[in-house]
Amino acid sequence: MYNGVRIYSGILIIYALLSWFPGAYDSLLGRLIAGICEPYLRLFDRLNLRIGMIGFNVMIAIIVLNLAAEVLGKILLSIM
């Protein structure tokens, strides 16, 4: 489970880094990564996580994902 969270967190970081390159989201890799990340990131769009031109959606999404995995892991360990 933790490996999946790490992999998805890495994909989210790559998604954020793609914003630095013009037209990166239009490439095949960019469309693939956007298709994987955007459904999860849409959950955080309603929160106003922008300060000026900088959006913190991806950072908050990674933190929430890792916290949820940690809590779920502890719950599963306590059950078993």
Protein backbone atom coordinates (compact mmCIF):
# COMPACT_ATOMS: atom_id res chain seq x y z
CA MET A 1 0.00 0.00 0.00
CA TYR A 2 2.76 2.44 0.91
CA ASN A 3 4.57 1.79 -2.37
CA GLY A 4 1.41 2.73 -4.26
CA VAL A 5 1.14 5.97 -2.29
CA ARG A 6 4.79 6.77 -2.99
CA ILE A 7 4.38 6.10 -6.70
CA TYR A 8 1.21 8.22 -6.91
CA SER A 9 2.90 11.00 -4.92
CA GLY A 10 5.78 10.92 -7.40
CA ILE A 11 3.34 11.15 -10.30
CA LEU A 12 1.70 14.16 -8.62
CA ILE A 13 5.12 15.81 -8.31
CA ILE A 14 5.82 15.17 -11.99
CA TYR A 15 2.40 16.67 -12.79
CA ALA A 16 3.34 19.81 -10.85
CA LEU A 17 6.73 20.04 -12.56
CA LEU A 18 5.10 19.82 -15.99
CA SER A 19 3.54 23.22 -15.34
CA TRP A 20 7.00 24.77 -15.65
CA PHE A 21 7.31 23.75 -19.30
CA PRO A 22 5.05 25.35 -21.93
CA GLY A 23 2.99 22.79 -23.79
CA ALA A 24 4.08 19.90 -21.56
CA TYR A 25 0.48 18.96 -20.77
CA ASP A 26 -0.20 18.64 -24.50
CA SER A 27 2.41 15.90 -24.98
CA LEU A 28 1.53 12.23 -24.75
CA LEU A 29 3.23 11.90 -21.36
CA GLY A 30 1.55 15.09 -20.13
CA ARG A 31 -1.92 13.88 -21.15
CA LEU A 32 -1.30 10.51 -19.51
CA ILE A 33 -0.14 12.05 -16.24
CA ALA A 34 -2.96 14.62 -16.30
CA GLY A 35 -5.50 11.85 -16.81
CA ILE A 36 -4.13 10.06 -13.75
CA CYS A 37 -3.78 13.12 -11.48
CA GLU A 38 -6.60 15.50 -12.33
CA PRO A 39 -9.51 13.42 -10.95
CA TYR A 40 -7.86 13.40 -7.51
CA LEU A 41 -6.73 17.03 -7.73
CA ARG A 42 -10.27 18.19 -8.58
CA LEU A 43 -11.19 17.36 -4.98
CA PHE A 44 -8.97 20.25 -3.88
CA ASP A 45 -10.07 22.78 -6.52
CA ARG A 46 -12.90 24.09 -4.34
CA LEU A 47 -10.41 25.11 -1.67
CA ASN A 48 -8.74 28.41 -2.43
CA LEU A 49 -5.16 27.17 -2.29
CA ARG A 50 -3.60 29.83 -4.49
CA ILE A 51 -1.37 32.63 -3.34
CA GLY A 52 -0.79 34.90 -6.29
CA MET A 53 0.32 32.77 -9.23
CA ILE A 54 1.35 29.82 -7.07
CA GLY A 55 -1.10 26.99 -6.41
CA PHE A 56 -0.64 24.64 -3.51
CA ASN A 57 -3.21 22.05 -4.61
CA VAL A 58 -0.63 19.40 -5.41
CA MET A 59 1.26 19.86 -2.16
CA ILE A 60 -1.91 19.64 -0.06
CA ALA A 61 -3.09 16.65 -2.12
CA ILE A 62 0.17 14.80 -1.41
CA ILE A 63 -0.03 15.58 2.30
CA VAL A 64 -3.65 14.39 2.51
CA LEU A 65 -2.84 11.24 0.53
CA ASN A 66 0.07 10.34 2.81
CA LEU A 67 -1.89 11.10 5.99
CA ALA A 68 -4.82 8.99 4.79
CA ALA A 69 -2.49 6.10 3.96
CA GLU A 70 -0.86 6.36 7.38
CA VAL A 71 -4.20 6.41 9.21
CA LEU A 72 -5.56 3.55 7.12
CA GLY A 73 -2.40 1.54 7.75
CA LYS A 74 -2.70 2.04 11.51
CA ILE A 75 -6.37 1.06 11.44
CA LEU A 76 -5.60 -2.08 9.50
CA LEU A 77 -2.77 -2.98 11.88
CA SER A 78 -5.00 -2.54 14.91
CA ILE A 79 -7.67 -4.77 13.36
CA MET A 80 -5.20 -7.57 12.63
